[in-house]
Amino acid sequence: YIGVTGVQSVLFRSTDTFTAQTPGNYRISAGILTAAVTLTTAQSITLAVYKNGSLYRNLDRAVGNGASISYMLNGDDLIPLKSGETLQIYAVCSVATSQSSSGANNRVSITRDK
């Protein structure tokens, strides 16, 4: 689930929250390529994972350089979950932007390690 938080956000997957059915360690992997956007050196875009509705960890962050460019953010983590706990992935940007039309770069994967 890539949803809304902070000033602006980039939605790159249909809305849904991942809920662990089985306790264990879950490997998450996510990536997003934004459309070209101009960010100043004081602005950024962040890829973050939320656990049970609260920020768990920032997976990646890019700070602007004043040019209009696309930003590629990627990250992965191993997160312990109990049954019923949830994960959400957010891409948050200081200004309004959207995902790139290249869908191959926009992904979310959550798997339980055995």
C-alpha atoms as a PDB file:
ATOM      1  CA  TYR A   1       0.000   0.000   0.000  1.00  0.00           C
ATOM      2  CA  ILE A   2       1.424   3.336  -0.990  1.00  0.00           C
ATOM      3  CA  GLY A   3      -0.649   6.004   0.645  1.00  0.00           C
ATOM      4  CA  VAL A   4      -0.842   9.579   1.787  1.00  0.00           C
ATOM      5  CA  THR A   5       1.279  11.086   4.538  1.00  0.00           C
ATOM      6  CA  GLY A   6       3.241  14.281   5.021  1.00  0.00           C
ATOM      7  CA  VAL A   7       3.001  17.162   2.584  1.00  0.00           C
ATOM      8  CA  GLN A   8       2.446  15.227  -0.644  1.00  0.00           C
ATOM      9  CA  SER A   9       2.618  11.609  -1.654  1.00  0.00           C
ATOM     10  CA  VAL A  10       3.071   9.395  -4.668  1.00  0.00           C
ATOM     11  CA  LEU A  11       0.640   6.508  -5.076  1.00  0.00           C
ATOM     12  CA  PHE A  12       2.156   3.598  -6.996  1.00  0.00           C
ATOM     13  CA  ARG A  13       0.036   0.611  -6.094  1.00  0.00           C
ATOM     14  CA  SER A  14      -3.648  -0.047  -5.535  1.00  0.00           C
ATOM     15  CA  THR A  15      -4.743   0.661  -1.987  1.00  0.00           C
ATOM     16  CA  ASP A  16      -4.459  -2.140   0.535  1.00  0.00           C
ATOM     17  CA  THR A  17      -2.687  -2.788   3.806  1.00  0.00           C
ATOM     18  CA  PHE A  18      -0.623  -5.930   4.206  1.00  0.00           C
ATOM     19  CA  THR A  19      -1.718  -7.904   7.294  1.00  0.00           C
ATOM     20  CA  ALA A  20       0.435 -10.780   8.539  1.00  0.00           C
ATOM     21  CA  GLN A  21      -1.576 -13.962   8.901  1.00  0.00           C
ATOM     22  CA  THR A  22       1.372 -15.891  10.345  1.00  0.00           C
ATOM     23  CA  PRO A  23       3.997 -14.572  12.780  1.00  0.00           C
ATOM     24  CA  GLY A  24       7.527 -14.363  11.422  1.00  0.00           C
ATOM     25  CA  ASN A  25      10.118 -12.210   9.729  1.00  0.00           C
ATOM     26  CA  TYR A  26       8.825 -10.531   6.582  1.00  0.00           C
ATOM     27  CA  ARG A  27      11.128  -9.292   3.845  1.00  0.00           C
ATOM     28  CA  ILE A  28       9.859  -6.158   2.155  1.00  0.00           C
ATOM     29  CA  SER A  29      11.231  -4.697  -1.027  1.00  0.00           C
ATOM     30  CA  ALA A  30       9.908  -1.541  -2.656  1.00  0.00           C
ATOM     31  CA  GLY A  31      10.878   0.877  -5.383  1.00  0.00           C
ATOM     32  CA  ILE A  32       9.482   3.867  -7.198  1.00  0.00           C
ATOM     33  CA  LEU A  33      10.587   6.021 -10.104  1.00  0.00           C
ATOM     34  CA  THR A  34       8.972   9.456 -10.038  1.00  0.00           C
ATOM     35  CA  ALA A  35       8.039  11.567 -12.999  1.00  0.00           C
ATOM     36  CA  ALA A  36      10.435  14.488 -13.516  1.00  0.00           C
ATOM     37  CA  VAL A  37      10.072  16.948 -10.656  1.00  0.00           C
ATOM     38  CA  THR A  38      12.072  19.966  -9.522  1.00  0.00           C
ATOM     39  CA  LEU A  39      13.193  19.747  -5.908  1.00  0.00           C
ATOM     40  CA  THR A  40      15.367  22.375  -4.249  1.00  0.00           C
ATOM     41  CA  THR A  41      18.243  21.356  -1.978  1.00  0.00           C
ATOM     42  CA  ALA A  42      15.855  21.874   0.966  1.00  0.00           C
ATOM     43  CA  GLN A  43      13.263  19.443  -0.462  1.00  0.00           C
ATOM     44  CA  SER A  44      13.281  15.664  -0.614  1.00  0.00           C
ATOM     45  CA  ILE A  45      11.404  12.492  -1.457  1.00  0.00           C
ATOM     46  CA  THR A  46      11.366   9.546   0.965  1.00  0.00           C
ATOM     47  CA  LEU A  47      10.347   5.892   0.673  1.00  0.00           C
ATOM     48  CA  ALA A  48       9.158   4.659   4.079  1.00  0.00           C
ATOM     49  CA  VAL A  49       7.583   1.619   5.704  1.00  0.00           C
ATOM     50  CA  TYR A  50       4.911   1.930   8.378  1.00  0.00           C
ATOM     51  CA  LYS A  51       4.190  -0.860  10.856  1.00  0.00           C
ATOM     52  CA  ASN A  52       0.778  -0.846  12.560  1.00  0.00           C
ATOM     53  CA  GLY A  53       0.165   2.725  11.345  1.00  0.00           C
ATOM     54  CA  SER A  54       3.411   4.261  12.686  1.00  0.00           C
ATOM     55  CA  LEU A  55       6.654   5.040  10.898  1.00  0.00           C
ATOM     56  CA  TYR A  56       8.921   2.026  11.260  1.00  0.00           C
ATOM     57  CA  ARG A  57      11.848   2.975   9.009  1.00  0.00           C
ATOM     58  CA  ASN A  58      12.831   5.140   6.055  1.00  0.00           C
ATOM     59  CA  LEU A  59      13.977   2.839   3.274  1.00  0.00           C
ATOM     60  CA  ASP A  60      15.475   5.495   0.995  1.00  0.00           C
ATOM     61  CA  ARG A  61      15.651   9.275   0.651  1.00  0.00           C
ATOM     62  CA  ALA A  62      16.759  11.629  -2.110  1.00  0.00           C
ATOM     63  CA  VAL A  63      17.422  15.358  -1.708  1.00  0.00           C
ATOM     64  CA  GLY A  64      16.799  17.710  -4.617  1.00  0.00           C
ATOM     65  CA  ASN A  65      19.499  19.528  -6.547  1.00  0.00           C
ATOM     66  CA  GLY A  66      17.396  22.241  -8.210  1.00  0.00           C
ATOM     67  CA  ALA A  67      17.105  20.396 -11.534  1.00  0.00           C
ATOM     68  CA  SER A  68      13.979  18.797 -12.968  1.00  0.00           C
ATOM     69  CA  ILE A  69      14.764  15.074 -12.851  1.00  0.00           C
ATOM     70  CA  SER A  70      13.165  11.727 -12.042  1.00  0.00           C
ATOM     71  CA  TYR A  71      14.078  10.133  -8.725  1.00  0.00           C
ATOM     72  CA  MET A  72      14.565   6.378  -8.265  1.00  0.00           C
ATOM     73  CA  LEU A  73      14.056   5.223  -4.682  1.00  0.00           C
ATOM     74  CA  ASN A  74      14.627   1.628  -3.576  1.00  0.00           C
ATOM     75  CA  GLY A  75      14.780  -0.139  -0.271  1.00  0.00           C
ATOM     76  CA  ASP A  76      14.329  -3.397   1.533  1.00  0.00           C
ATOM     77  CA  ASP A  77      14.171  -4.569   5.111  1.00  0.00           C
ATOM     78  CA  LEU A  78      13.446  -7.613   7.246  1.00  0.00           C
ATOM     79  CA  ILE A  79      10.630  -6.822   9.689  1.00  0.00           C
ATOM     80  CA  PRO A  80       9.360  -9.062  12.509  1.00  0.00           C
ATOM     81  CA  LEU A  81       5.558  -9.267  12.568  1.00  0.00           C
ATOM     82  CA  LYS A  82       3.049 -10.956  14.844  1.00  0.00           C
ATOM     83  CA  SER A  83      -0.245 -12.250  13.505  1.00  0.00           C
ATOM     84  CA  GLY A  84      -2.545  -9.326  12.737  1.00  0.00           C
ATOM     85  CA  GLU A  85       0.207  -6.696  12.495  1.00  0.00           C
ATOM     86  CA  THR A  86       0.200  -4.511   9.383  1.00  0.00           C
ATOM     87  CA  LEU A  87       2.627  -2.938   6.931  1.00  0.00           C
ATOM     88  CA  GLN A  88       2.176  -0.004   4.585  1.00  0.00           C
ATOM     89  CA  ILE A  89       4.716   1.508   2.179  1.00  0.00           C
ATOM     90  CA  TYR A  90       4.638   5.249   1.492  1.00  0.00           C
ATOM     91  CA  ALA A  91       6.499   7.493  -0.929  1.00  0.00           C
ATOM     92  CA  VAL A  92       6.430  11.053   0.413  1.00  0.00           C
ATOM     93  CA  CYS A  93       7.574  14.125  -1.493  1.00  0.00           C
ATOM     94  CA  SER A  94       7.945  17.780  -0.475  1.00  0.00           C
ATOM     95  CA  VAL A  95       6.037  18.841  -3.604  1.00  0.00           C
ATOM     96  CA  ALA A  96       3.321  17.273  -5.728  1.00  0.00           C
ATOM     97  CA  THR A  97       4.599  14.690  -8.205  1.00  0.00           C
ATOM     98  CA  SER A  98       3.528  11.345  -9.633  1.00  0.00           C
ATOM     99  CA  GLN A  99       5.008   7.992 -10.484  1.00  0.00           C
ATOM    100  CA  SER A 100       6.792   7.471 -13.763  1.00  0.00           C
ATOM    101  CA  SER A 101       4.774   5.870 -16.533  1.00  0.00           C
ATOM    102  CA  SER A 102       7.427   3.126 -16.573  1.00  0.00           C
ATOM    103  CA  GLY A 103       5.601   0.641 -14.361  1.00  0.00           C
ATOM    104  CA  ALA A 104       8.551  -1.782 -14.253  1.00  0.00           C
ATOM    105  CA  ASN A 105      10.321   0.523 -11.792  1.00  0.00           C
ATOM    106  CA  ASN A 106       7.385   0.789  -9.373  1.00  0.00           C
ATOM    107  CA  ARG A 107       7.119  -2.269  -7.151  1.00  0.00           C
ATOM    108  CA  VAL A 108       6.277  -3.663  -3.726  1.00  0.00           C
ATOM    109  CA  SER A 109       7.045  -7.185  -2.569  1.00  0.00           C
ATOM    110  CA  ILE A 110       6.372  -8.660   0.888  1.00  0.00           C
ATOM    111  CA  THR A 111       7.328 -12.269   1.639  1.00  0.00           C
ATOM    112  CA  ARG A 112       7.698 -14.233   4.860  1.00  0.00           C
ATOM    113  CA  ASP A 113      11.177 -15.702   5.459  1.00  0.00           C
ATOM    114  CA  LYS A 114      11.172 -19.343   6.400  1.00  0.00           C
END
